[in-house]
C-alpha atoms as a PDB file:
ATOM      1  CA  MET A   1     -15.149  -6.729  25.447  1.00  0.00           C
ATOM      2  CA  VAL A   2     -18.879  -5.941  25.770  1.00  0.00           C
ATOM      3  CA  PHE A   3     -20.486  -2.908  27.239  1.00  0.00           C
ATOM      4  CA  VAL A   4     -23.154  -4.594  29.505  1.00  0.00           C
ATOM      5  CA  ASP A   5     -25.236  -1.476  29.989  1.00  0.00           C
ATOM      6  CA  ALA A   6     -25.520  -0.692  26.329  1.00  0.00           C
ATOM      7  CA  GLY A   7     -25.274  -4.257  25.110  1.00  0.00           C
ATOM      8  CA  SER A   8     -22.790  -3.252  22.474  1.00  0.00           C
ATOM      9  CA  ILE A   9     -19.478  -4.916  21.451  1.00  0.00           C
ATOM     10  CA  GLU A  10     -16.454  -2.553  22.060  1.00  0.00           C
ATOM     11  CA  ALA A  11     -13.842  -4.893  20.546  1.00  0.00           C
ATOM     12  CA  ALA A  12     -13.034  -8.363  19.343  1.00  0.00           C
ATOM     13  CA  SER A  13      -9.707 -10.163  19.160  1.00  0.00           C
ATOM     14  CA  PHE A  14      -8.663 -12.763  16.657  1.00  0.00           C
ATOM     15  CA  THR A  15      -5.683 -14.781  15.150  1.00  0.00           C
ATOM     16  CA  THR A  16      -4.663 -14.305  11.600  1.00  0.00           C
ATOM     17  CA  ARG A  17      -5.283 -16.965   8.890  1.00  0.00           C
ATOM     18  CA  TYR A  18      -1.914 -16.603   7.141  1.00  0.00           C
ATOM     19  CA  ASN A  19       0.929 -16.718   9.595  1.00  0.00           C
ATOM     20  CA  PRO A  20       4.541 -17.125   8.520  1.00  0.00           C
ATOM     21  CA  LYS A  21       5.546 -17.625  12.152  1.00  0.00           C
ATOM     22  CA  THR A  22       5.839 -21.130  13.577  1.00  0.00           C
ATOM     23  CA  THR A  23       3.814 -22.187  16.571  1.00  0.00           C
ATOM     24  CA  PRO A  24       3.495 -20.600  19.164  1.00  0.00           C
ATOM     25  CA  GLY A  25       4.359 -17.356  17.424  1.00  0.00           C
ATOM     26  CA  PHE A  26       0.770 -16.594  16.401  1.00  0.00           C
ATOM     27  CA  LEU A  27      -0.161 -13.253  14.994  1.00  0.00           C
ATOM     28  CA  TYR A  28      -3.009 -11.647  16.849  1.00  0.00           C
ATOM     29  CA  GLY A  29      -5.232  -8.784  15.941  1.00  0.00           C
ATOM     30  CA  SER A  30      -8.235  -6.888  17.256  1.00  0.00           C
ATOM     31  CA  ILE A  31     -10.999  -4.818  15.843  1.00  0.00           C
ATOM     32  CA  GLN A  32     -12.502  -1.948  17.844  1.00  0.00           C
ATOM     33  CA  PHE A  33     -16.200  -0.909  17.116  1.00  0.00           C
ATOM     34  CA  GLU A  34     -17.015   2.752  17.676  1.00  0.00           C
ATOM     35  CA  ASP A  35     -19.605   5.449  16.722  1.00  0.00           C
ATOM     36  CA  TYR A  36     -22.715   3.307  17.097  1.00  0.00           C
ATOM     37  CA  ARG A  37     -25.650   4.849  15.408  1.00  0.00           C
ATOM     38  CA  ASP A  38     -29.315   3.831  15.217  1.00  0.00           C
ATOM     39  CA  VAL A  39     -30.310   2.621  11.751  1.00  0.00           C
ATOM     40  CA  ASN A  40     -33.962   1.518  11.723  1.00  0.00           C
ATOM     41  CA  GLY A  41     -33.772   0.459  15.406  1.00  0.00           C
ATOM     42  CA  ILE A  42     -30.408  -1.396  15.103  1.00  0.00           C
ATOM     43  CA  GLN A  43     -27.162  -0.064  16.446  1.00  0.00           C
ATOM     44  CA  ILE A  44     -24.485  -0.162  13.721  1.00  0.00           C
ATOM     45  CA  PRO A  45     -20.800   0.717  14.481  1.00  0.00           C
ATOM     46  CA  LEU A  46     -19.938   3.235  11.723  1.00  0.00           C
ATOM     47  CA  LYS A  47     -16.158   3.131  12.668  1.00  0.00           C
ATOM     48  CA  GLN A  48     -14.209  -0.101  12.938  1.00  0.00           C
ATOM     49  CA  SER A  49     -10.454   0.109  13.539  1.00  0.00           C
ATOM     50  CA  ALA A  50      -8.148  -3.020  13.198  1.00  0.00           C
ATOM     51  CA  GLN A  51      -5.107  -3.068  15.397  1.00  0.00           C
ATOM     52  CA  LEU A  52      -2.167  -5.384  15.901  1.00  0.00           C
ATOM     53  CA  ASP A  53      -2.391  -7.521  19.039  1.00  0.00           C
ATOM     54  CA  ARG A  54      -4.869  -6.658  21.845  1.00  0.00           C
ATOM     55  CA  PRO A  55      -7.180  -3.630  21.549  1.00  0.00           C
ATOM     56  CA  LYS A  56      -5.345  -0.443  22.608  1.00  0.00           C
ATOM     57  CA  ASN A  57      -6.706   2.638  24.371  1.00  0.00           C
ATOM     58  CA  ASN A  58      -5.636   4.839  21.460  1.00  0.00           C
ATOM     59  CA  THR A  59      -7.963   3.834  18.538  1.00  0.00           C
ATOM     60  CA  GLU A  60      -5.932   6.213  16.244  1.00  0.00           C
ATOM     61  CA  ASP A  61      -3.187   3.458  16.529  1.00  0.00           C
ATOM     62  CA  TYR A  62      -4.642   1.247  13.703  1.00  0.00           C
ATOM     63  CA  VAL A  63      -3.437  -0.747  10.751  1.00  0.00           C
ATOM     64  CA  HIS A  64      -6.716  -0.470   8.889  1.00  0.00           C
ATOM     65  CA  ARG A  65      -9.870   1.462   9.431  1.00  0.00           C
ATOM     66  CA  LEU A  66     -13.404   1.038   7.925  1.00  0.00           C
ATOM     67  CA  THR A  67     -15.568   4.172   8.240  1.00  0.00           C
ATOM     68  CA  ILE A  68     -19.155   3.945   7.041  1.00  0.00           C
ATOM     69  CA  HIS A  69     -20.577   7.349   5.997  1.00  0.00           C
ATOM     70  CA  ASN A  70     -24.037   6.137   4.880  1.00  0.00           C
ATOM     71  CA  PHE A  71     -25.812   2.909   5.833  1.00  0.00           C
ATOM     72  CA  GLU A  72     -29.047   1.768   4.432  1.00  0.00           C
ATOM     73  CA  TRP A  73     -30.916  -1.582   4.898  1.00  0.00           C
ATOM     74  CA  VAL A  74     -31.794  -3.343   1.602  1.00  0.00           C
ATOM     75  CA  SER A  75     -34.604  -5.855   1.682  1.00  0.00           C
ATOM     76  CA  PHE A  76     -34.583  -9.113  -0.209  1.00  0.00           C
ATOM     77  CA  PRO A  77     -36.471 -12.389  -0.024  1.00  0.00           C
ATOM     78  CA  VAL A  78     -35.303 -14.965   2.664  1.00  0.00           C
ATOM     79  CA  SER A  79     -34.923 -17.506  -0.157  1.00  0.00           C
ATOM     80  CA  GLN A  80     -31.809 -15.626  -1.330  1.00  0.00           C
ATOM     81  CA  LEU A  81     -30.108 -16.602   1.893  1.00  0.00           C
ATOM     82  CA  GLN A  82     -30.516 -20.302   1.198  1.00  0.00           C
ATOM     83  CA  PRO A  83     -27.560 -22.345  -0.168  1.00  0.00           C
ATOM     84  CA  LEU A  84     -27.564 -22.798  -3.987  1.00  0.00           C
ATOM     85  CA  CYS A  85     -27.307 -26.512  -3.659  1.00  0.00           C
ATOM     86  CA  ALA A  86     -28.534 -28.874  -1.009  1.00  0.00           C
END
């Protein structure tokens, strides 16, 4: 789900890598992104809540939550992004 006006992502859905269920019993999850804050001109979601199945209206119904309290960009040379071997 994307907020077109703000250009921000509200949620993303995914399938799990490890799945003890046989096909088609896939396990699905979703992550909701909230509390966007401006960090040097880039909007960062400081609260990310993982939920089972599709995104729910109640973001307090989560199985895992990442909350960022302090965010700072660290600069490094582009060469560090290159693969170690060709």
